[in-house]
């Protein structure tokens, strides 16, 4: 009993937690399926190679945003540190990709 020295009020937040239910998960899953179907449709339509690659990359970015927002709950409060970490990782990764592209093509 001595190890548990926190009171019950210390663990409650000022704002009550609202359970969103499965609606957002269903919506995110359906949007992921639609984005995947769009990617397959563009490949099967045999558009230009550059357009196809750019379109699929844009769809992938949108899908990552949906996954982070709905499945990883990054849209909720209290995830500031995780968001900063992801943003920092993206900056490092994009800098590395830009440097590699620059060294290869210029």
PDB file of N, CA and C in Angstrom:
ATOM      1  N   UNK A   1       0.819  -1.183   0.000  1.00  0.00           N
ATOM      2  CA  UNK A   1       0.000   0.000   0.000  1.00  0.00           C
ATOM      3  C   UNK A   1       0.862   1.246   0.000  1.00  0.00           C
ATOM      4  N   UNK A   2       2.031   1.169   0.631  1.00  0.00           N
ATOM      5  CA  UNK A   2       2.905   2.340   0.706  1.00  0.00           C
ATOM      6  C   UNK A   2       3.469   2.698  -0.658  1.00  0.00           C
ATOM      7  N   UNK A   3       3.625   1.704  -1.547  1.00  0.00           N
ATOM      8  CA  UNK A   3       4.176   1.982  -2.872  1.00  0.00           C
ATOM      9  C   UNK A   3       3.197   2.776  -3.723  1.00  0.00           C
ATOM     10  N   UNK A   4       1.926   2.646  -3.455  1.00  0.00           N
ATOM     11  CA  UNK A   4       0.915   3.356  -4.222  1.00  0.00           C
ATOM     12  C   UNK A   4       0.539   4.629  -3.465  1.00  0.00           C
ATOM     13  N   UNK A   5       1.275   5.703  -3.724  1.00  0.00           N
ATOM     14  CA  UNK A   5       1.061   6.934  -2.985  1.00  0.00           C
ATOM     15  C   UNK A   5       0.316   7.997  -3.778  1.00  0.00           C
ATOM     16  N   UNK A   6      -0.190   7.662  -4.940  1.00  0.00           N
ATOM     17  CA  UNK A   6      -0.947   8.616  -5.745  1.00  0.00           C
ATOM     18  C   UNK A   6      -2.413   8.581  -5.343  1.00  0.00           C
ATOM     19  N   UNK A   7      -2.998   9.737  -5.308  1.00  0.00           N
ATOM     20  CA  UNK A   7      -4.426   9.777  -4.998  1.00  0.00           C
ATOM     21  C   UNK A   7      -5.224   9.511  -6.263  1.00  0.00           C
ATOM     22  N   UNK A   8      -6.461   9.190  -6.098  1.00  0.00           N
ATOM     23  CA  UNK A   8      -7.322   8.879  -7.242  1.00  0.00           C
ATOM     24  C   UNK A   8      -7.540  10.099  -8.120  1.00  0.00           C
ATOM     25  N   UNK A   9      -7.487  11.289  -7.562  1.00  0.00           N
ATOM     26  CA  UNK A   9      -7.738  12.492  -8.358  1.00  0.00           C
ATOM     27  C   UNK A   9      -6.556  12.862  -9.236  1.00  0.00           C
ATOM     28  N   UNK A  10      -5.354  12.357  -8.962  1.00  0.00           N
ATOM     29  CA  UNK A  10      -4.190  12.682  -9.780  1.00  0.00           C
ATOM     30  C   UNK A  10      -4.269  12.033 -11.153  1.00  0.00           C
ATOM     31  N   UNK A  11      -5.007  10.959 -11.290  1.00  0.00           N
ATOM     32  CA  UNK A  11      -5.065  10.231 -12.546  1.00  0.00           C
ATOM     33  C   UNK A  11      -6.245  10.638 -13.419  1.00  0.00           C
ATOM     34  N   UNK A  12      -7.049  11.525 -12.966  1.00  0.00           N
ATOM     35  CA  UNK A  12      -8.177  11.965 -13.771  1.00  0.00           C
ATOM     36  C   UNK A  12      -7.808  13.247 -14.482  1.00  0.00           C
ATOM     37  N   UNK A  13      -8.271  13.378 -15.696  1.00  0.00           N
ATOM     38  CA  UNK A  13      -7.990  14.599 -16.445  1.00  0.00           C
ATOM     39  C   UNK A  13      -9.132  15.587 -16.260  1.00  0.00           C
ATOM     40  N   UNK A  14      -8.858  16.814 -16.603  1.00  0.00           N
ATOM     41  CA  UNK A  14      -9.887  17.846 -16.485  1.00  0.00           C
ATOM     42  C   UNK A  14     -10.961  17.671 -17.549  1.00  0.00           C
ATOM     43  N   UNK A  15     -10.564  17.108 -18.668  1.00  0.00           N
ATOM     44  CA  UNK A  15     -11.494  16.893 -19.770  1.00  0.00           C
ATOM     45  C   UNK A  15     -11.826  15.405 -19.847  1.00  0.00           C
ATOM     46  N   UNK A  16     -13.097  15.040 -19.817  1.00  0.00           N
ATOM     47  CA  UNK A  16     -13.428  13.611 -19.858  1.00  0.00           C
ATOM     48  C   UNK A  16     -13.050  12.993 -21.202  1.00  0.00           C
ATOM     49  N   UNK A  17     -12.635  11.736 -21.153  1.00  0.00           N
ATOM     50  CA  UNK A  17     -12.279  11.015 -22.367  1.00  0.00           C
ATOM     51  C   UNK A  17     -13.555  10.584 -23.081  1.00  0.00           C
ATOM     52  N   UNK A  18     -13.655  10.950 -24.325  1.00  0.00           N
ATOM     53  CA  UNK A  18     -14.825  10.592 -25.116  1.00  0.00           C
ATOM     54  C   UNK A  18     -14.435   9.448 -26.037  1.00  0.00           C
ATOM     55  N   UNK A  19     -15.092   8.325 -25.879  1.00  0.00           N
ATOM     56  CA  UNK A  19     -14.831   7.181 -26.746  1.00  0.00           C
ATOM     57  C   UNK A  19     -15.556   7.412 -28.063  1.00  0.00           C
ATOM     58  N   UNK A  20     -14.793   7.403 -29.152  1.00  0.00           N
ATOM     59  CA  UNK A  20     -15.364   7.727 -30.456  1.00  0.00           C
ATOM     60  C   UNK A  20     -16.110   6.563 -31.082  1.00  0.00           C
ATOM     61  N   UNK A  21     -15.864   5.385 -30.641  1.00  0.00           N
ATOM     62  CA  UNK A  21     -16.523   4.230 -31.214  1.00  0.00           C
ATOM     63  C   UNK A  21     -15.849   3.787 -32.494  1.00  0.00           C
ATOM     64  N   UNK A  22     -16.394   2.777 -33.122  1.00  0.00           N
ATOM     65  CA  UNK A  22     -15.749   2.211 -34.305  1.00  0.00           C
ATOM     66  C   UNK A  22     -15.983   3.006 -35.590  1.00  0.00           C
ATOM     67  N   UNK A  23     -16.816   4.037 -35.546  1.00  0.00           N
ATOM     68  CA  UNK A  23     -17.142   4.776 -36.768  1.00  0.00           C
ATOM     69  C   UNK A  23     -15.891   5.313 -37.468  1.00  0.00           C
ATOM     70  N   UNK A  24     -14.992   5.929 -36.722  1.00  0.00           N
ATOM     71  CA  UNK A  24     -13.780   6.478 -37.324  1.00  0.00           C
ATOM     72  C   UNK A  24     -12.867   5.382 -37.854  1.00  0.00           C
ATOM     73  N   UNK A  25     -12.846   4.245 -37.193  1.00  0.00           N
ATOM     74  CA  UNK A  25     -12.025   3.134 -37.673  1.00  0.00           C
ATOM     75  C   UNK A  25     -12.587   2.575 -38.983  1.00  0.00           C
ATOM     76  N   UNK A  26     -13.896   2.453 -39.065  1.00  0.00           N
ATOM     77  CA  UNK A  26     -14.510   2.001 -40.318  1.00  0.00           C
ATOM     78  C   UNK A  26     -14.231   2.984 -41.441  1.00  0.00           C
ATOM     79  N   UNK A  27     -14.373   4.263 -41.156  1.00  0.00           N
ATOM     80  CA  UNK A  27     -14.125   5.293 -42.164  1.00  0.00           C
ATOM     81  C   UNK A  27     -12.679   5.236 -42.647  1.00  0.00           C
ATOM     82  N   UNK A  28     -11.750   5.126 -41.729  1.00  0.00           N
ATOM     83  CA  UNK A  28     -10.339   5.059 -42.096  1.00  0.00           C
ATOM     84  C   UNK A  28     -10.037   3.805 -42.913  1.00  0.00           C
ATOM     85  N   UNK A  29     -10.624   2.682 -42.530  1.00  0.00           N
ATOM     86  CA  UNK A  29     -10.399   1.439 -43.259  1.00  0.00           C
ATOM     87  C   UNK A  29     -10.941   1.539 -44.680  1.00  0.00           C
ATOM     88  N   UNK A  30     -12.137   2.092 -44.831  1.00  0.00           N
ATOM     89  CA  UNK A  30     -12.732   2.246 -46.164  1.00  0.00           C
ATOM     90  C   UNK A  30     -11.901   3.202 -47.014  1.00  0.00           C
ATOM     91  N   UNK A  31     -11.436   4.308 -46.420  1.00  0.00           N
ATOM     92  CA  UNK A  31     -10.587   5.237 -47.165  1.00  0.00           C
ATOM     93  C   UNK A  31      -9.270   4.581 -47.576  1.00  0.00           C
ATOM     94  N   UNK A  32      -8.714   3.738 -46.729  1.00  0.00           N
ATOM     95  CA  UNK A  32      -7.494   3.018 -47.086  1.00  0.00           C
ATOM     96  C   UNK A  32      -7.739   2.080 -48.259  1.00  0.00           C
ATOM     97  N   UNK A  33      -8.887   1.405 -48.251  1.00  0.00           N
ATOM     98  CA  UNK A  33      -9.228   0.534 -49.379  1.00  0.00           C
ATOM     99  C   UNK A  33      -9.406   1.328 -50.665  1.00  0.00           C
ATOM    100  N   UNK A  34     -10.053   2.488 -50.565  1.00  0.00           N
ATOM    101  CA  UNK A  34     -10.260   3.335 -51.746  1.00  0.00           C
ATOM    102  C   UNK A  34      -8.917   3.823 -52.292  1.00  0.00           C
ATOM    103  N   UNK A  35      -8.024   4.254 -51.413  1.00  0.00           N
ATOM    104  CA  UNK A  35      -6.709   4.717 -51.861  1.00  0.00           C
ATOM    105  C   UNK A  35      -5.917   3.590 -52.514  1.00  0.00           C
ATOM    106  N   UNK A  36      -6.007   2.392 -51.966  1.00  0.00           N
ATOM    107  CA  UNK A  36      -5.325   1.246 -52.561  1.00  0.00           C
ATOM    108  C   UNK A  36      -5.924   0.911 -53.923  1.00  0.00           C
ATOM    109  N   UNK A  37      -7.244   0.950 -54.033  1.00  0.00           N
ATOM    110  CA  UNK A  37      -7.901   0.688 -55.320  1.00  0.00           C
ATOM    111  C   UNK A  37      -7.511   1.741 -56.356  1.00  0.00           C
ATOM    112  N   UNK A  38      -7.410   2.996 -55.929  1.00  0.00           N
ATOM    113  CA  UNK A  38      -6.975   4.055 -56.852  1.00  0.00           C
ATOM    114  C   UNK A  38      -5.561   3.791 -57.366  1.00  0.00           C
ATOM    115  N   UNK A  39      -4.682   3.356 -56.490  1.00  0.00           N
ATOM    116  CA  UNK A  39      -3.313   3.054 -56.912  1.00  0.00           C
ATOM    117  C   UNK A  39      -3.298   1.925 -57.941  1.00  0.00           C
ATOM    118  N   UNK A  40      -4.065   0.866 -57.690  1.00  0.00           N
ATOM    119  CA  UNK A  40      -4.140  -0.227 -58.660  1.00  0.00           C
ATOM    120  C   UNK A  40      -4.755   0.243 -59.974  1.00  0.00           C
ATOM    121  N   UNK A  41      -5.779   1.075 -59.908  1.00  0.00           N
ATOM    122  CA  UNK A  41      -6.431   1.564 -61.125  1.00  0.00           C
ATOM    123  C   UNK A  41      -5.473   2.391 -61.979  1.00  0.00           C
ATOM    124  N   UNK A  42      -4.677   3.225 -61.348  1.00  0.00           N
ATOM    125  CA  UNK A  42      -3.726   4.046 -62.100  1.00  0.00           C
ATOM    126  C   UNK A  42      -2.670   3.172 -62.765  1.00  0.00           C
ATOM    127  N   UNK A  43      -2.200   2.152 -62.064  1.00  0.00           N
ATOM    128  CA  UNK A  43      -1.207   1.255 -62.657  1.00  0.00           C
ATOM    129  C   UNK A  43      -1.819   0.483 -63.818  1.00  0.00           C
ATOM    130  N   UNK A  44      -3.048  -0.005 -63.650  1.00  0.00           N
ATOM    131  CA  UNK A  44      -3.696  -0.776 -64.715  1.00  0.00           C
ATOM    132  C   UNK A  44      -4.063   0.091 -65.915  1.00  0.00           C
ATOM    133  N   UNK A  45      -4.296   1.381 -65.693  1.00  0.00           N
ATOM    134  CA  UNK A  45      -4.655   2.279 -66.792  1.00  0.00           C
ATOM    135  C   UNK A  45      -3.448   2.641 -67.644  1.00  0.00           C
ATOM    136  N   UNK A  46      -2.255   2.265 -67.203  1.00  0.00           N
ATOM    137  CA  UNK A  46      -1.011   2.515 -67.929  1.00  0.00           C
ATOM    138  C   UNK A  46      -0.854   3.980 -68.315  1.00  0.00           C
ATOM    139  N   UNK A  47      -1.001   4.831 -67.328  1.00  0.00           N
ATOM    140  CA  UNK A  47      -0.715   6.251 -67.524  1.00  0.00           C
ATOM    141  C   UNK A  47       0.795   6.399 -67.695  1.00  0.00           C
ATOM    142  N   UNK A  48       1.261   7.599 -67.820  1.00  0.00           N
ATOM    143  CA  UNK A  48       2.697   7.817 -67.937  1.00  0.00           C
ATOM    144  C   UNK A  48       3.430   7.368 -66.684  1.00  0.00           C
ATOM    145  N   UNK A  49       4.674   6.956 -66.864  1.00  0.00           N
ATOM    146  CA  UNK A  49       5.456   6.429 -65.744  1.00  0.00           C
ATOM    147  C   UNK A  49       5.636   7.479 -64.648  1.00  0.00           C
ATOM    148  N   UNK A  50       5.976   8.697 -65.031  1.00  0.00           N
ATOM    149  CA  UNK A  50       6.200   9.761 -64.046  1.00  0.00           C
ATOM    150  C   UNK A  50       4.920  10.085 -63.295  1.00  0.00           C
ATOM    151  N   UNK A  51       3.811  10.207 -64.016  1.00  0.00           N
ATOM    152  CA  UNK A  51       2.531  10.504 -63.371  1.00  0.00           C
ATOM    153  C   UNK A  51       2.141   9.394 -62.403  1.00  0.00           C
ATOM    154  N   UNK A  52       2.320   8.147 -62.828  1.00  0.00           N
ATOM    155  CA  UNK A  52       1.953   7.010 -61.982  1.00  0.00           C
ATOM    156  C   UNK A  52       2.756   7.004 -60.684  1.00  0.00           C
ATOM    157  N   UNK A  53       4.052   7.225 -60.793  1.00  0.00           N
ATOM    158  CA  UNK A  53       4.897   7.228 -59.595  1.00  0.00           C
ATOM    159  C   UNK A  53       4.505   8.365 -58.664  1.00  0.00           C
ATOM    160  N   UNK A  54       4.339   9.563 -59.200  1.00  0.00           N
ATOM    161  CA  UNK A  54       3.968  10.708 -58.363  1.00  0.00           C
ATOM    162  C   UNK A  54       2.598  10.509 -57.718  1.00  0.00           C
ATOM    163  N   UNK A  55       1.654   9.973 -58.466  1.00  0.00           N
ATOM    164  CA  UNK A  55       0.307   9.748 -57.942  1.00  0.00           C
ATOM    165  C   UNK A  55       0.325   8.733 -56.798  1.00  0.00           C
ATOM    166  N   UNK A  56       1.085   7.659 -56.971  1.00  0.00           N
ATOM    167  CA  UNK A  56       1.160   6.640 -55.926  1.00  0.00           C
ATOM    168  C   UNK A  56       1.871   7.181 -54.687  1.00  0.00           C
ATOM    169  N   UNK A  57       2.891   8.006 -54.873  1.00  0.00           N
ATOM    170  CA  UNK A  57       3.574   8.607 -53.720  1.00  0.00           C
ATOM    171  C   UNK A  57       2.623   9.526 -52.958  1.00  0.00           C
ATOM    172  N   UNK A  58       1.827  10.315 -53.677  1.00  0.00           N
ATOM    173  CA  UNK A  58       0.850  11.190 -53.017  1.00  0.00           C
ATOM    174  C   UNK A  58      -0.182  10.352 -52.262  1.00  0.00           C
ATOM    175  N   UNK A  59      -0.668   9.280 -52.882  1.00  0.00           N
ATOM    176  CA  UNK A  59      -1.615   8.395 -52.194  1.00  0.00           C
ATOM    177  C   UNK A  59      -0.987   7.774 -50.945  1.00  0.00           C
ATOM    178  N   UNK A  60       0.283   7.422 -51.025  1.00  0.00           N
ATOM    179  CA  UNK A  60       0.967   6.845 -49.862  1.00  0.00           C
ATOM    180  C   UNK A  60       1.069   7.858 -48.728  1.00  0.00           C
ATOM    181  N   UNK A  61       1.362   9.100 -49.056  1.00  0.00           N
ATOM    182  CA  UNK A  61       1.445  10.144 -48.030  1.00  0.00           C
ATOM    183  C   UNK A  61       0.084  10.348 -47.371  1.00  0.00           C
ATOM    184  N   UNK A  62      -0.968  10.390 -48.179  1.00  0.00           N
ATOM    185  CA  UNK A  62      -2.318  10.546 -47.631  1.00  0.00           C
ATOM    186  C   UNK A  62      -2.661   9.355 -46.734  1.00  0.00           C
ATOM    187  N   UNK A  63      -2.287   8.160 -47.163  1.00  0.00           N
ATOM    188  CA  UNK A  63      -2.581   6.964 -46.368  1.00  0.00           C
ATOM    189  C   UNK A  63      -1.831   6.986 -45.034  1.00  0.00           C
ATOM    190  N   UNK A  64      -0.591   7.433 -45.041  1.00  0.00           N
ATOM    191  CA  UNK A  64       0.174   7.531 -43.788  1.00  0.00           C
ATOM    192  C   UNK A  64      -0.500   8.511 -42.838  1.00  0.00           C
ATOM    193  N   UNK A  65      -0.975   9.633 -43.365  1.00  0.00           N
ATOM    194  CA  UNK A  65      -1.661  10.622 -42.527  1.00  0.00           C
ATOM    195  C   UNK A  65      -2.923  10.018 -41.921  1.00  0.00           C
ATOM    196  N   UNK A  66      -3.705   9.295 -42.720  1.00  0.00           N
ATOM    197  CA  UNK A  66      -4.901   8.631 -42.187  1.00  0.00           C
ATOM    198  C   UNK A  66      -4.534   7.628 -41.102  1.00  0.00           C
ATOM    199  N   UNK A  67      -3.496   6.840 -41.342  1.00  0.00           N
ATOM    200  CA  UNK A  67      -3.107   5.831 -40.358  1.00  0.00           C
ATOM    201  C   UNK A  67      -2.671   6.480 -39.046  1.00  0.00           C
ATOM    202  N   UNK A  68      -1.876   7.542 -39.143  1.00  0.00           N
ATOM    203  CA  UNK A  68      -1.427   8.217 -37.924  1.00  0.00           C
ATOM    204  C   UNK A  68      -2.588   8.875 -37.190  1.00  0.00           C
ATOM    205  N   UNK A  69      -3.494   9.477 -37.934  1.00  0.00           N
ATOM    206  CA  UNK A  69      -4.590  10.208 -37.296  1.00  0.00           C
ATOM    207  C   UNK A  69      -5.616   9.270 -36.673  1.00  0.00           C
ATOM    208  N   UNK A  70      -6.018   8.229 -37.386  1.00  0.00           N
ATOM    209  CA  UNK A  70      -7.110   7.393 -36.909  1.00  0.00           C
ATOM    210  C   UNK A  70      -6.648   6.182 -36.110  1.00  0.00           C
ATOM    211  N   UNK A  71      -5.636   5.466 -36.570  1.00  0.00           N
ATOM    212  CA  UNK A  71      -5.230   4.241 -35.897  1.00  0.00           C
ATOM    213  C   UNK A  71      -4.238   4.499 -34.779  1.00  0.00           C
ATOM    214  N   UNK A  72      -3.342   5.457 -34.957  1.00  0.00           N
ATOM    215  CA  UNK A  72      -2.355   5.766 -33.920  1.00  0.00           C
ATOM    216  C   UNK A  72      -2.820   6.904 -33.019  1.00  0.00           C
ATOM    217  N   UNK A  73      -4.001   7.447 -33.283  1.00  0.00           N
ATOM    218  CA  UNK A  73      -4.628   8.484 -32.455  1.00  0.00           C
ATOM    219  C   UNK A  73      -3.757   9.725 -32.304  1.00  0.00           C
ATOM    220  N   UNK A  74      -3.035  10.100 -33.339  1.00  0.00           N
ATOM    221  CA  UNK A  74      -2.183  11.285 -33.268  1.00  0.00           C
ATOM    222  C   UNK A  74      -2.991  12.577 -33.256  1.00  0.00           C
ATOM    223  N   UNK A  75      -4.265  12.480 -33.569  1.00  0.00           N
ATOM    224  CA  UNK A  75      -5.105  13.678 -33.545  1.00  0.00           C
ATOM    225  C   UNK A  75      -5.545  14.032 -32.125  1.00  0.00           C
ATOM    226  N   UNK A  76      -5.366  13.117 -31.186  1.00  0.00           N
ATOM    227  CA  UNK A  76      -5.758  13.347 -29.799  1.00  0.00           C
ATOM    228  C   UNK A  76      -4.702  14.168 -29.071  1.00  0.00           C
ATOM    229  N   UNK A  77      -5.096  14.754 -27.967  1.00  0.00           N
ATOM    230  CA  UNK A  77      -4.157  15.523 -27.142  1.00  0.00           C
ATOM    231  C   UNK A  77      -3.172  14.585 -26.453  1.00  0.00           C
ATOM    232  N   UNK A  78      -2.008  15.140 -26.135  1.00  0.00           N
ATOM    233  CA  UNK A  78      -1.024  14.375 -25.393  1.00  0.00           C
ATOM    234  C   UNK A  78      -0.042  13.605 -26.249  1.00  0.00           C
ATOM    235  N   UNK A  79      -0.045  13.823 -27.553  1.00  0.00           N
ATOM    236  CA  UNK A  79       0.874  13.119 -28.439  1.00  0.00           C
ATOM    237  C   UNK A  79       1.906  14.073 -29.041  1.00  0.00           C
ATOM    238  N   UNK A  80       2.161  15.182 -28.378  1.00  0.00           N
ATOM    239  CA  UNK A  80       3.090  16.182 -28.900  1.00  0.00           C
ATOM    240  C   UNK A  80       4.489  15.642 -29.102  1.00  0.00           C
ATOM    241  N   UNK A  81       4.990  14.868 -28.141  1.00  0.00           N
ATOM    242  CA  UNK A  81       6.344  14.332 -28.243  1.00  0.00           C
ATOM    243  C   UNK A  81       6.456  13.364 -29.421  1.00  0.00           C
ATOM    244  N   UNK A  82       5.462  12.527 -29.614  1.00  0.00           N
ATOM    245  CA  UNK A  82       5.481  11.583 -30.736  1.00  0.00           C
ATOM    246  C   UNK A  82       5.422  12.318 -32.069  1.00  0.00           C
ATOM    247  N   UNK A  83       4.625  13.363 -32.145  1.00  0.00           N
ATOM    248  CA  UNK A  83       4.515  14.134 -33.383  1.00  0.00           C
ATOM    249  C   UNK A  83       5.833  14.828 -33.695  1.00  0.00           C
ATOM    250  N   UNK A  84       6.484  15.384 -32.679  1.00  0.00           N
ATOM    251  CA  UNK A  84       7.791  16.021 -32.883  1.00  0.00           C
ATOM    252  C   UNK A  84       8.808  14.987 -33.361  1.00  0.00           C
ATOM    253  N   UNK A  85       8.778  13.795 -32.800  1.00  0.00           N
ATOM    254  CA  UNK A  85       9.688  12.739 -33.222  1.00  0.00           C
ATOM    255  C   UNK A  85       9.462  12.323 -34.666  1.00  0.00           C
ATOM    256  N   UNK A  86       8.210  12.174 -35.046  1.00  0.00           N
ATOM    257  CA  UNK A  86       7.891  11.805 -36.426  1.00  0.00           C
ATOM    258  C   UNK A  86       8.312  12.912 -37.381  1.00  0.00           C
ATOM    259  N   UNK A  87       8.032  14.162 -37.029  1.00  0.00           N
ATOM    260  CA  UNK A  87       8.414  15.289 -37.882  1.00  0.00           C
ATOM    261  C   UNK A  87       9.931  15.368 -38.024  1.00  0.00           C
ATOM    262  N   UNK A  88      10.656  15.159 -36.943  1.00  0.00           N
ATOM    263  CA  UNK A  88      12.120  15.185 -36.999  1.00  0.00           C
ATOM    264  C   UNK A  88      12.646  14.060 -37.890  1.00  0.00           C
ATOM    265  N   UNK A  89      12.069  12.884 -37.756  1.00  0.00           N
ATOM    266  CA  UNK A  89      12.462  11.769 -38.608  1.00  0.00           C
ATOM    267  C   UNK A  89      12.190  12.040 -40.078  1.00  0.00           C
ATOM    268  N   UNK A  90      11.051  12.666 -40.360  1.00  0.00           N
ATOM    269  CA  UNK A  90      10.737  13.018 -41.748  1.00  0.00           C
ATOM    270  C   UNK A  90      11.728  14.026 -42.309  1.00  0.00           C
ATOM    271  N   UNK A  91      12.100  15.003 -41.503  1.00  0.00           N
ATOM    272  CA  UNK A  91      13.068  16.003 -41.969  1.00  0.00           C
ATOM    273  C   UNK A  91      14.407  15.340 -42.285  1.00  0.00           C
ATOM    274  N   UNK A  92      14.867  14.463 -41.413  1.00  0.00           N
ATOM    275  CA  UNK A  92      16.132  13.765 -41.649  1.00  0.00           C
ATOM    276  C   UNK A  92      16.025  12.872 -42.886  1.00  0.00           C
ATOM    277  N   UNK A  93      14.931  12.131 -43.014  1.00  0.00           N
ATOM    278  CA  UNK A  93      14.757  11.232 -44.157  1.00  0.00           C
ATOM    279  C   UNK A  93      14.679  12.007 -45.467  1.00  0.00           C
ATOM    280  N   UNK A  94      13.902  13.084 -45.490  1.00  0.00           N
ATOM    281  CA  UNK A  94      13.781  13.875 -46.716  1.00  0.00           C
ATOM    282  C   UNK A  94      15.097  14.544 -47.086  1.00  0.00           C
ATOM    283  N   UNK A  95      15.853  14.974 -46.097  1.00  0.00           N
ATOM    284  CA  UNK A  95      17.170  15.546 -46.371  1.00  0.00           C
ATOM    285  C   UNK A  95      18.089  14.489 -46.978  1.00  0.00           C
ATOM    286  N   UNK A  96      18.047  13.287 -46.452  1.00  0.00           N
ATOM    287  CA  UNK A  96      18.855  12.201 -47.000  1.00  0.00           C
ATOM    288  C   UNK A  96      18.456  11.839 -48.421  1.00  0.00           C
ATOM    289  N   UNK A  97      17.163  11.776 -48.675  1.00  0.00           N
ATOM    290  CA  UNK A  97      16.684  11.471 -50.031  1.00  0.00           C
ATOM    291  C   UNK A  97      17.079  12.584 -50.995  1.00  0.00           C
ATOM    292  N   UNK A  98      16.906  13.837 -50.577  1.00  0.00           N
ATOM    293  CA  UNK A  98      17.281  14.966 -51.434  1.00  0.00           C
ATOM    294  C   UNK A  98      18.781  14.947 -51.734  1.00  0.00           C
ATOM    295  N   UNK A  99      19.594  14.629 -50.738  1.00  0.00           N
ATOM    296  CA  UNK A  99      21.041  14.558 -50.957  1.00  0.00           C
ATOM    297  C   UNK A  99      21.393  13.434 -51.921  1.00  0.00           C
ATOM    298  N   UNK A 100      20.750  12.280 -51.774  1.00  0.00           N
ATOM    299  CA  UNK A 100      21.014  11.155 -52.673  1.00  0.00           C
ATOM    300  C   UNK A 100      20.597  11.483 -54.100  1.00  0.00           C
ATOM    301  N   UNK A 101      19.436  12.097 -54.252  1.00  0.00           N
ATOM    302  CA  UNK A 101      18.971  12.484 -55.591  1.00  0.00           C
ATOM    303  C   UNK A 101      19.927  13.496 -56.204  1.00  0.00           C
ATOM    304  N   UNK A 102      20.362  14.454 -55.416  1.00  0.00           N
ATOM    305  CA  UNK A 102      21.288  15.471 -55.908  1.00  0.00           C
ATOM    306  C   UNK A 102      22.602  14.839 -56.357  1.00  0.00           C
ATOM    307  N   UNK A 103      23.139  13.896 -55.567  1.00  0.00           N
ATOM    308  CA  UNK A 103      24.411  13.264 -55.921  1.00  0.00           C
ATOM    309  C   UNK A 103      24.281  12.367 -57.148  1.00  0.00           C
ATOM    310  N   UNK A 104      23.132  11.753 -57.333  1.00  0.00           N
ATOM    311  CA  UNK A 104      22.962  10.836 -58.462  1.00  0.00           C
ATOM    312  C   UNK A 104      22.706  11.583 -59.764  1.00  0.00           C
ATOM    313  N   UNK A 105      21.819  12.580 -59.747  1.00  0.00           N
ATOM    314  CA  UNK A 105      21.396  13.207 -60.995  1.00  0.00           C
ATOM    315  C   UNK A 105      22.085  14.525 -61.327  1.00  0.00           C
ATOM    316  N   UNK A 106      22.820  15.120 -60.400  1.00  0.00           N
ATOM    317  CA  UNK A 106      23.480  16.383 -60.749  1.00  0.00           C
ATOM    318  C   UNK A 106      24.938  16.280 -60.589  1.00  0.00           C
TER     319      UNK A 106
END
